[in-house]
PDB file of N, CA and C in Angstrom:
ATOM      1  N   MET A   1      96.899 118.064  44.935  1.00  0.00           N
ATOM      2  CA  MET A   1      96.472 117.766  46.298  1.00  0.00           C
ATOM      3  C   MET A   1      96.751 119.589  46.969  1.00  0.00           C
ATOM      4  N   ILE A   2      95.541 120.115  47.794  1.00  0.00           N
ATOM      5  CA  ILE A   2      95.356 120.253  48.749  1.00  0.00           C
ATOM      6  C   ILE A   2      95.906 120.720  50.211  1.00  0.00           C
ATOM      7  N   LYS A   3      96.836 120.884  50.980  1.00  0.00           N
ATOM      8  CA  LYS A   3      97.277 120.937  52.505  1.00  0.00           C
ATOM      9  C   LYS A   3      97.350 121.765  52.705  1.00  0.00           C
ATOM     10  N   VAL A   4      96.381 121.322  54.011  1.00  0.00           N
ATOM     11  CA  VAL A   4      95.615 122.677  55.462  1.00  0.00           C
ATOM     12  C   VAL A   4      96.549 122.808  56.170  1.00  0.00           C
ATOM     13  N   SER A   5      97.038 123.330  56.728  1.00  0.00           N
ATOM     14  CA  SER A   5      97.878 123.205  57.647  1.00  0.00           C
ATOM     15  C   SER A   5      97.291 124.188  58.904  1.00  0.00           C
ATOM     16  N   VAL A   6      96.977 123.683  60.248  1.00  0.00           N
ATOM     17  CA  VAL A   6      96.160 124.417  61.351  1.00  0.00           C
ATOM     18  C   VAL A   6      97.761 125.137  62.247  1.00  0.00           C
ATOM     19  N   LEU A   7      98.058 126.017  62.127  1.00  0.00           N
ATOM     20  CA  LEU A   7      99.944 126.092  62.747  1.00  0.00           C
ATOM     21  C   LEU A   7      99.520 127.147  64.406  1.00  0.00           C
ATOM     22  N   TYR A   8     100.221 125.950  65.680  1.00  0.00           N
ATOM     23  CA  TYR A   8     100.136 127.059  66.635  1.00  0.00           C
ATOM     24  C   TYR A   8     100.902 127.480  67.487  1.00  0.00           C
ATOM     25  N   PRO A   9     101.259 129.150  67.290  1.00  0.00           N
ATOM     26  CA  PRO A   9     102.885 130.377  67.453  1.00  0.00           C
ATOM     27  C   PRO A   9     102.496 129.761  69.021  1.00  0.00           C
ATOM     28  N   ALA A  10     104.267 129.415  69.133  1.00  0.00           N
ATOM     29  CA  ALA A  10     104.716 129.195  70.699  1.00  0.00           C
ATOM     30  C   ALA A  10     104.506 130.656  70.911  1.00  0.00           C
ATOM     31  N   THR A  11     103.822 130.722  72.262  1.00  0.00           N
ATOM     32  CA  THR A  11     103.399 131.442  72.756  1.00  0.00           C
ATOM     33  C   THR A  11     103.862 131.803  74.408  1.00  0.00           C
ATOM     34  N   ASP A  12     104.657 133.118  75.329  1.00  0.00           N
ATOM     35  CA  ASP A  12     104.940 132.046  76.765  1.00  0.00           C
ATOM     36  C   ASP A  12     103.600 131.684  77.618  1.00  0.00           C
ATOM     37  N   GLY A  13     103.425 131.525  77.819  1.00  0.00           N
ATOM     38  CA  GLY A  13     102.414 131.096  79.025  1.00  0.00           C
ATOM     39  C   GLY A  13     101.491 130.201  78.343  1.00  0.00           C
ATOM     40  N   ALA A  14     101.617 129.965  77.356  1.00  0.00           N
ATOM     41  CA  ALA A  14     100.443 129.864  77.027  1.00  0.00           C
ATOM     42  C   ALA A  14     100.061 128.202  76.710  1.00  0.00           C
ATOM     43  N   ARG A  15      99.102 127.741  77.130  1.00  0.00           N
ATOM     44  CA  ARG A  15      98.503 126.290  77.295  1.00  0.00           C
ATOM     45  C   ARG A  15      98.523 124.968  76.003  1.00  0.00           C
ATOM     46  N   PHE A  16      99.067 123.874  76.115  1.00  0.00           N
ATOM     47  CA  PHE A  16      99.320 123.539  74.860  1.00  0.00           C
ATOM     48  C   PHE A  16      99.093 122.072  75.303  1.00  0.00           C
ATOM     49  N   ASP A  17      97.992 120.948  75.186  1.00  0.00           N
ATOM     50  CA  ASP A  17      98.127 119.813  75.449  1.00  0.00           C
ATOM     51  C   ASP A  17      98.255 118.267  74.390  1.00  0.00           C
ATOM     52  N   HIS A  18      99.505 118.316  74.173  1.00  0.00           N
ATOM     53  CA  HIS A  18      99.237 117.290  73.059  1.00  0.00           C
ATOM     54  C   HIS A  18      99.361 116.009  72.914  1.00  0.00           C
ATOM     55  N   ASP A  19      98.516 115.205  73.980  1.00  0.00           N
ATOM     56  CA  ASP A  19      98.124 113.723  73.842  1.00  0.00           C
ATOM     57  C   ASP A  19      96.781 114.433  73.933  1.00  0.00           C
ATOM     58  N   TYR A  20      96.003 115.359  74.677  1.00  0.00           N
ATOM     59  CA  TYR A  20      94.713 115.960  73.877  1.00  0.00           C
ATOM     60  C   TYR A  20      94.271 115.313  72.492  1.00  0.00           C
ATOM     61  N   TYR A  21      95.696 116.440  72.139  1.00  0.00           N
ATOM     62  CA  TYR A  21      95.012 116.833  70.200  1.00  0.00           C
ATOM     63  C   TYR A  21      95.149 115.791  69.946  1.00  0.00           C
ATOM     64  N   ARG A  22      96.248 114.914  69.600  1.00  0.00           N
ATOM     65  CA  ARG A  22      96.993 113.755  69.007  1.00  0.00           C
ATOM     66  C   ARG A  22      95.765 112.850  69.160  1.00  0.00           C
ATOM     67  N   ASP A  23      95.385 112.014  70.821  1.00  0.00           N
ATOM     68  CA  ASP A  23      94.047 111.709  71.022  1.00  0.00           C
ATOM     69  C   ASP A  23      92.981 112.082  71.098  1.00  0.00           C
ATOM     70  N   LYS A  24      92.280 112.999  70.578  1.00  0.00           N
ATOM     71  CA  LYS A  24      90.764 113.203  71.013  1.00  0.00           C
ATOM     72  C   LYS A  24      91.148 114.518  69.984  1.00  0.00           C
ATOM     73  N   HIS A  25      91.362 115.397  69.489  1.00  0.00           N
ATOM     74  CA  HIS A  25      91.180 116.404  68.088  1.00  0.00           C
ATOM     75  C   HIS A  25      91.301 116.104  66.888  1.00  0.00           C
ATOM     76  N   VAL A  26      92.469 115.874  66.717  1.00  0.00           N
ATOM     77  CA  VAL A  26      92.854 115.157  65.635  1.00  0.00           C
ATOM     78  C   VAL A  26      91.978 114.103  65.305  1.00  0.00           C
ATOM     79  N   PRO A  27      91.756 112.903  65.273  1.00  0.00           N
ATOM     80  CA  PRO A  27      90.502 112.368  65.273  1.00  0.00           C
ATOM     81  C   PRO A  27      88.829 113.019  65.505  1.00  0.00           C
ATOM     82  N   LEU A  28      88.737 114.145  65.897  1.00  0.00           N
ATOM     83  CA  LEU A  28      87.463 114.469  65.390  1.00  0.00           C
ATOM     84  C   LEU A  28      87.758 115.367  64.725  1.00  0.00           C
ATOM     85  N   ALA A  29      89.005 116.038  63.874  1.00  0.00           N
ATOM     86  CA  ALA A  29      89.105 116.450  62.771  1.00  0.00           C
ATOM     87  C   ALA A  29      88.237 115.793  61.456  1.00  0.00           C
ATOM     88  N   LYS A  30      89.225 114.526  61.765  1.00  0.00           N
ATOM     89  CA  LYS A  30      89.618 113.431  60.461  1.00  0.00           C
ATOM     90  C   LYS A  30      87.890 112.690  60.113  1.00  0.00           C
ATOM     91  N   GLU A  31      87.134 112.880  61.371  1.00  0.00           N
ATOM     92  CA  GLU A  31      85.824 112.684  61.270  1.00  0.00           C
ATOM     93  C   GLU A  31      84.905 113.639  60.789  1.00  0.00           C
ATOM     94  N   ALA A  32      84.612 114.610  60.848  1.00  0.00           N
ATOM     95  CA  ALA A  32      84.288 116.136  60.556  1.00  0.00           C
ATOM     96  C   ALA A  32      84.754 115.972  59.119  1.00  0.00           C
ATOM     97  N   PHE A  33      85.879 115.879  59.144  1.00  0.00           N
ATOM     98  CA  PHE A  33      86.253 116.264  57.609  1.00  0.00           C
ATOM     99  C   PHE A  33      85.765 114.891  56.677  1.00  0.00           C
ATOM    100  N   GLY A  34      85.865 113.767  57.019  1.00  0.00           N
ATOM    101  CA  GLY A  34      85.045 112.589  56.357  1.00  0.00           C
ATOM    102  C   GLY A  34      86.232 111.739  55.335  1.00  0.00           C
ATOM    103  N   ASP A  35      85.685 111.158  54.517  1.00  0.00           N
ATOM    104  CA  ASP A  35      86.797 110.799  53.167  1.00  0.00           C
ATOM    105  C   ASP A  35      87.499 111.774  52.157  1.00  0.00           C
ATOM    106  N   GLY A  36      87.133 112.780  52.511  1.00  0.00           N
ATOM    107  CA  GLY A  36      87.764 114.225  51.539  1.00  0.00           C
ATOM    108  C   GLY A  36      89.273 114.375  52.298  1.00  0.00           C
ATOM    109  N   VAL A  37      89.466 114.311  53.244  1.00  0.00           N
ATOM    110  CA  VAL A  37      91.005 113.900  53.983  1.00  0.00           C
ATOM    111  C   VAL A  37      91.452 112.910  53.679  1.00  0.00           C
ATOM    112  N   LYS A  38      93.010 112.645  53.166  1.00  0.00           N
ATOM    113  CA  LYS A  38      93.273 111.511  52.138  1.00  0.00           C
ATOM    114  C   LYS A  38      94.668 111.370  53.450  1.00  0.00           C
ATOM    115  N   ARG A  39      95.031 112.534  54.196  1.00  0.00           N
ATOM    116  CA  ARG A  39      96.426 112.330  54.966  1.00  0.00           C
ATOM    117  C   ARG A  39      96.016 113.112  55.852  1.00  0.00           C
ATOM    118  N   VAL A  40      97.250 112.875  56.928  1.00  0.00           N
ATOM    119  CA  VAL A  40      97.225 113.510  58.254  1.00  0.00           C
ATOM    120  C   VAL A  40      98.654 113.644  59.149  1.00  0.00           C
ATOM    121  N   GLU A  41      99.200 114.385  59.273  1.00  0.00           N
ATOM    122  CA  GLU A  41     100.171 114.525  60.182  1.00  0.00           C
ATOM    123  C   GLU A  41      99.847 115.948  60.898  1.00  0.00           C
ATOM    124  N   ILE A  42     100.702 115.438  62.252  1.00  0.00           N
ATOM    125  CA  ILE A  42     100.754 116.120  63.691  1.00  0.00           C
ATOM    126  C   ILE A  42     102.415 116.154  63.614  1.00  0.00           C
ATOM    127  N   ASP A  43     102.438 117.457  63.945  1.00  0.00           N
ATOM    128  CA  ASP A  43     103.728 118.358  64.420  1.00  0.00           C
ATOM    129  C   ASP A  43     104.434 118.621  65.432  1.00  0.00           C
ATOM    130  N   ARG A  44     105.065 118.393  66.046  1.00  0.00           N
ATOM    131  CA  ARG A  44     105.211 118.761  68.001  1.00  0.00           C
ATOM    132  C   ARG A  44     106.922 119.770  68.388  1.00  0.00           C
ATOM    133  N   GLY A  45     106.460 120.968  67.840  1.00  0.00           N
ATOM    134  CA  GLY A  45     107.455 121.769  68.249  1.00  0.00           C
ATOM    135  C   GLY A  45     109.240 121.613  69.172  1.00  0.00           C
ATOM    136  N   ILE A  46     109.775 121.492  68.363  1.00  0.00           N
ATOM    137  CA  ILE A  46     110.988 121.757  69.261  1.00  0.00           C
ATOM    138  C   ILE A  46     112.075 121.911  68.994  1.00  0.00           C
ATOM    139  N   ASP A  47     112.683 122.300  70.364  1.00  0.00           N
ATOM    140  CA  ASP A  47     114.045 123.729  70.458  1.00  0.00           C
ATOM    141  C   ASP A  47     115.112 123.461  70.002  1.00  0.00           C
ATOM    142  N   ALA A  48     115.386 122.478  68.156  1.00  0.00           N
ATOM    143  CA  ALA A  48     116.429 122.039  68.086  1.00  0.00           C
ATOM    144  C   ALA A  48     117.867 122.755  67.501  1.00  0.00           C
ATOM    145  N   MET A  49     117.122 123.456  67.451  1.00  0.00           N
ATOM    146  CA  MET A  49     117.539 125.323  66.394  1.00  0.00           C
ATOM    147  C   MET A  49     117.346 126.669  66.634  1.00  0.00           C
ATOM    148  N   GLY A  50     117.260 126.869  68.192  1.00  0.00           N
ATOM    149  CA  GLY A  50     116.783 127.493  68.730  1.00  0.00           C
ATOM    150  C   GLY A  50     115.252 127.422  68.847  1.00  0.00           C
ATOM    151  N   PRO A  51     114.568 129.060  69.583  1.00  0.00           N
ATOM    152  CA  PRO A  51     113.358 128.557  70.326  1.00  0.00           C
ATOM    153  C   PRO A  51     112.675 128.208  68.815  1.00  0.00           C
ATOM    154  N   ALA A  52     111.974 127.338  68.776  1.00  0.00           N
ATOM    155  CA  ALA A  52     110.670 126.336  67.963  1.00  0.00           C
ATOM    156  C   ALA A  52     109.382 127.713  67.740  1.00  0.00           C
ATOM    157  N   PRO A  53     109.268 128.257  66.395  1.00  0.00           N
ATOM    158  CA  PRO A  53     108.688 129.168  66.628  1.00  0.00           C
ATOM    159  C   PRO A  53     106.598 128.698  67.115  1.00  0.00           C
ATOM    160  N   PHE A  54     106.510 127.399  66.786  1.00  0.00           N
ATOM    161  CA  PHE A  54     105.461 126.593  66.898  1.00  0.00           C
ATOM    162  C   PHE A  54     105.425 125.555  68.000  1.00  0.00           C
ATOM    163  N   VAL A  55     104.023 125.889  68.681  1.00  0.00           N
ATOM    164  CA  VAL A  55     104.304 124.809  69.697  1.00  0.00           C
ATOM    165  C   VAL A  55     104.087 123.067  69.121  1.00  0.00           C
ATOM    166  N   ALA A  56     102.951 123.083  67.825  1.00  0.00           N
ATOM    167  CA  ALA A  56     102.473 122.393  67.348  1.00  0.00           C
ATOM    168  C   ALA A  56     102.259 122.432  65.710  1.00  0.00           C
ATOM    169  N   ALA A  57     101.143 121.359  65.376  1.00  0.00           N
ATOM    170  CA  ALA A  57     101.069 121.709  63.590  1.00  0.00           C
ATOM    171  C   ALA A  57     100.007 120.464  63.754  1.00  0.00           C
ATOM    172  N   ALA A  58      98.878 120.618  62.467  1.00  0.00           N
ATOM    173  CA  ALA A  58      98.324 119.134  61.770  1.00  0.00           C
ATOM    174  C   ALA A  58      98.510 119.901  61.018  1.00  0.00           C
ATOM    175  N   HIS A  59      98.522 118.679  59.301  1.00  0.00           N
ATOM    176  CA  HIS A  59      98.831 119.204  58.309  1.00  0.00           C
ATOM    177  C   HIS A  59      97.275 117.931  57.777  1.00  0.00           C
ATOM    178  N   PHE A  60      97.157 118.983  56.969  1.00  0.00           N
ATOM    179  CA  PHE A  60      95.802 118.020  56.669  1.00  0.00           C
ATOM    180  C   PHE A  60      95.040 117.837  54.905  1.00  0.00           C
ATOM    181  N   TRP A  61      95.762 116.433  53.780  1.00  0.00           N
ATOM    182  CA  TRP A  61      96.060 116.880  52.770  1.00  0.00           C
ATOM    183  C   TRP A  61      94.540 116.336  52.223  1.00  0.00           C
ATOM    184  N   PHE A  62      94.263 116.833  51.050  1.00  0.00           N
ATOM    185  CA  PHE A  62      92.872 117.138  50.290  1.00  0.00           C
ATOM    186  C   PHE A  62      93.266 116.756  48.790  1.00  0.00           C
ATOM    187  N   ASP A  63      92.323 115.611  48.123  1.00  0.00           N
ATOM    188  CA  ASP A  63      92.688 115.647  46.564  1.00  0.00           C
ATOM    189  C   ASP A  63      92.172 117.544  46.056  1.00  0.00           C
ATOM    190  N   SER A  64      91.519 118.310  46.438  1.00  0.00           N
ATOM    191  CA  SER A  64      90.894 119.091  45.858  1.00  0.00           C
ATOM    192  C   SER A  64      90.386 120.547  46.062  1.00  0.00           C
ATOM    193  N   GLN A  65      90.632 121.505  45.970  1.00  0.00           N
ATOM    194  CA  GLN A  65      89.829 122.571  47.147  1.00  0.00           C
ATOM    195  C   GLN A  65      88.363 122.560  47.316  1.00  0.00           C
ATOM    196  N   GLU A  66      87.614 122.236  46.210  1.00  0.00           N
ATOM    197  CA  GLU A  66      86.670 121.764  46.958  1.00  0.00           C
ATOM    198  C   GLU A  66      86.173 120.227  47.837  1.00  0.00           C
ATOM    199  N   ALA A  67      87.449 119.567  48.025  1.00  0.00           N
ATOM    200  CA  ALA A  67      87.116 119.016  48.756  1.00  0.00           C
ATOM    201  C   ALA A  67      87.672 119.561  50.530  1.00  0.00           C
ATOM    202  N   VAL A  68      88.446 119.974  49.861  1.00  0.00           N
ATOM    203  CA  VAL A  68      88.913 121.291  51.369  1.00  0.00           C
ATOM    204  C   VAL A  68      86.813 122.150  51.917  1.00  0.00           C
ATOM    205  N   GLN A  69      86.485 122.798  50.797  1.00  0.00           N
ATOM    206  CA  GLN A  69      85.333 123.551  51.081  1.00  0.00           C
ATOM    207  C   GLN A  69      84.346 122.647  51.499  1.00  0.00           C
ATOM    208  N   ALA A  70      84.381 121.524  51.372  1.00  0.00           N
ATOM    209  CA  ALA A  70      82.888 120.539  51.765  1.00  0.00           C
ATOM    210  C   ALA A  70      83.380 119.752  53.276  1.00  0.00           C
ATOM    211  N   ALA A  71      84.783 119.789  53.519  1.00  0.00           N
ATOM    212  CA  ALA A  71      85.246 119.588  54.687  1.00  0.00           C
ATOM    213  C   ALA A  71      85.135 120.136  55.745  1.00  0.00           C
ATOM    214  N   MET A  72      85.727 121.989  55.296  1.00  0.00           N
ATOM    215  CA  MET A  72      85.209 122.511  56.527  1.00  0.00           C
ATOM    216  C   MET A  72      84.185 123.358  56.640  1.00  0.00           C
ATOM    217  N   ALA A  73      83.007 122.717  55.960  1.00  0.00           N
ATOM    218  CA  ALA A  73      81.144 122.850  56.378  1.00  0.00           C
ATOM    219  C   ALA A  73      80.753 122.241  57.568  1.00  0.00           C
ATOM    220  N   GLY A  74      81.620 121.084  57.558  1.00  0.00           N
ATOM    221  CA  GLY A  74      81.734 120.120  58.874  1.00  0.00           C
ATOM    222  C   GLY A  74      82.215 120.556  60.250  1.00  0.00           C
ATOM    223  N   ALA A  75      83.064 121.713  60.041  1.00  0.00           N
ATOM    224  CA  ALA A  75      84.205 121.783  61.236  1.00  0.00           C
ATOM    225  C   ALA A  75      83.602 122.252  62.545  1.00  0.00           C
ATOM    226  N   GLY A  76      82.564 122.903  62.324  1.00  0.00           N
ATOM    227  CA  GLY A  76      82.182 123.455  63.501  1.00  0.00           C
ATOM    228  C   GLY A  76      82.519 123.128  64.967  1.00  0.00           C
ATOM    229  N   SER A  77      82.323 121.841  64.830  1.00  0.00           N
ATOM    230  CA  SER A  77      82.155 121.194  66.289  1.00  0.00           C
ATOM    231  C   SER A  77      84.339 121.213  65.867  1.00  0.00           C
ATOM    232  N   LEU A  78      85.258 121.755  65.392  1.00  0.00           N
ATOM    233  CA  LEU A  78      86.349 121.433  66.146  1.00  0.00           C
ATOM    234  C   LEU A  78      86.006 122.594  67.144  1.00  0.00           C
ATOM    235  N   ILE A  79      85.638 123.689  66.744  1.00  0.00           N
ATOM    236  CA  ILE A  79      85.897 125.116  67.184  1.00  0.00           C
ATOM    237  C   ILE A  79      84.801 125.128  68.741  1.00  0.00           C
ATOM    238  N   ALA A  80      84.610 124.988  68.614  1.00  0.00           N
ATOM    239  CA  ALA A  80      84.195 124.100  70.175  1.00  0.00           C
ATOM    240  C   ALA A  80      84.889 123.533  71.060  1.00  0.00           C
ATOM    241  N   ASP A  81      85.699 122.439  70.623  1.00  0.00           N
ATOM    242  CA  ASP A  81      87.132 121.789  70.771  1.00  0.00           C
ATOM    243  C   ASP A  81      88.633 122.067  71.768  1.00  0.00           C
ATOM    244  N   VAL A  82      88.154 123.011  70.848  1.00  0.00           N
ATOM    245  CA  VAL A  82      89.559 123.709  70.930  1.00  0.00           C
ATOM    246  C   VAL A  82      90.183 124.345  72.539  1.00  0.00           C
ATOM    247  N   PRO A  83      89.020 125.062  73.374  1.00  0.00           N
ATOM    248  CA  PRO A  83      89.555 125.305  74.059  1.00  0.00           C
ATOM    249  C   PRO A  83      90.183 123.417  75.414  1.00  0.00           C
ATOM    250  N   ASN A  84      89.833 123.147  74.839  1.00  0.00           N
ATOM    251  CA  ASN A  84      89.765 121.555  75.344  1.00  0.00           C
ATOM    252  C   ASN A  84      90.982 121.318  75.631  1.00  0.00           C
ATOM    253  N   TYR A  85      92.137 121.761  74.434  1.00  0.00           N
ATOM    254  CA  TYR A  85      93.381 121.332  74.631  1.00  0.00           C
ATOM    255  C   TYR A  85      94.746 122.713  74.381  1.00  0.00           C
ATOM    256  N   THR A  86      93.867 124.204  74.131  1.00  0.00           N
ATOM    257  CA  THR A  86      94.991 125.076  74.058  1.00  0.00           C
ATOM    258  C   THR A  86      94.146 126.539  74.501  1.00  0.00           C
ATOM    259  N   ASP A  87      94.758 127.342  74.411  1.00  0.00           N
ATOM    260  CA  ASP A  87      94.471 128.799  74.398  1.00  0.00           C
ATOM    261  C   ASP A  87      95.147 129.438  73.709  1.00  0.00           C
ATOM    262  N   ILE A  88      95.749 129.132  72.302  1.00  0.00           N
ATOM    263  CA  ILE A  88      96.478 129.932  71.744  1.00  0.00           C
ATOM    264  C   ILE A  88      95.555 129.816  70.486  1.00  0.00           C
ATOM    265  N   GLN A  89      95.470 130.728  69.867  1.00  0.00           N
ATOM    266  CA  GLN A  89      94.413 131.250  68.566  1.00  0.00           C
ATOM    267  C   GLN A  89      95.552 130.684  67.147  1.00  0.00           C
ATOM    268  N   PRO A  90      94.905 129.846  66.462  1.00  0.00           N
ATOM    269  CA  PRO A  90      95.402 128.347  65.410  1.00  0.00           C
ATOM    270  C   PRO A  90      95.574 129.890  64.130  1.00  0.00           C
ATOM    271  N   GLN A  91      96.379 129.395  63.380  1.00  0.00           N
ATOM    272  CA  GLN A  91      96.521 129.872  62.567  1.00  0.00           C
ATOM    273  C   GLN A  91      96.973 128.779  61.228  1.00  0.00           C
ATOM    274  N   LEU A  92      95.351 129.282  60.158  1.00  0.00           N
ATOM    275  CA  LEU A  92      95.482 128.136  59.076  1.00  0.00           C
ATOM    276  C   LEU A  92      96.073 128.563  58.010  1.00  0.00           C
ATOM    277  N   VAL A  93      96.732 127.886  57.463  1.00  0.00           N
ATOM    278  CA  VAL A  93      97.237 127.755  55.647  1.00  0.00           C
ATOM    279  C   VAL A  93      96.582 127.131  54.791  1.00  0.00           C
ATOM    280  N   VAL A  94      96.635 127.850  53.688  1.00  0.00           N
ATOM    281  CA  VAL A  94      96.185 126.415  52.353  1.00  0.00           C
ATOM    282  C   VAL A  94      96.537 126.901  52.116  1.00  0.00           C
ATOM    283  N   SER A  95      97.485 125.676  50.746  1.00  0.00           N
ATOM    284  CA  SER A  95      98.574 125.919  50.078  1.00  0.00           C
ATOM    285  C   SER A  95      98.636 124.474  48.809  1.00  0.00           C
ATOM    286  N   GLU A  96      98.933 124.199  47.862  1.00  0.00           N
ATOM    287  CA  GLU A  96      98.881 123.696  46.741  1.00  0.00           C
ATOM    288  C   GLU A  96     100.571 123.074  46.503  1.00  0.00           C
ATOM    289  N   VAL A  97      99.996 121.391  47.039  1.00  0.00           N
ATOM    290  CA  VAL A  97     101.349 120.759  47.131  1.00  0.00           C
ATOM    291  C   VAL A  97     101.910 120.881  46.025  1.00  0.00           C
ATOM    292  N   VAL A  98     103.058 120.868  45.575  1.00  0.00           N
ATOM    293  CA  VAL A  98     104.176 121.640  44.275  1.00  0.00           C
ATOM    294  C   VAL A  98     104.871 119.544  44.620  1.00  0.00           C
ATOM    295  N   GLU A  99     104.866 119.071  43.879  1.00  0.00           N
ATOM    296  CA  GLU A  99     106.063 117.711  44.002  1.00  0.00           C
ATOM    297  C   GLU A  99     107.076 117.757  42.678  1.00  0.00           C
ATOM    298  N   GLY A 100     108.358 118.384  43.065  1.00  0.00           N
ATOM    299  CA  GLY A 100     109.095 118.117  42.097  1.00  0.00           C
ATOM    300  C   GLY A 100     109.736 117.312  41.136  1.00  0.00           C
TER     301      GLY A 100
END
């Protein structure tokens, strides 16, 4: 299983609209990625143990690297939507999920 995480670092004065992200952007991503995406989670950073390093994150699970590559081919519309909910430059992390 391959996980693609999109992380939004907490930055002083940055803007992030959690409602728009949850209700509009992530559904747009799921549509763009198609059947390749198997699971999606959205995290909202909280200051439980000090300042949260990330204001938000989304995690998309795929069966294979090929599925990720196919999904990313349709991601252009997602980049155009980013200014609608944030001015934070997202960080992308792709990892293999290893279950113990």
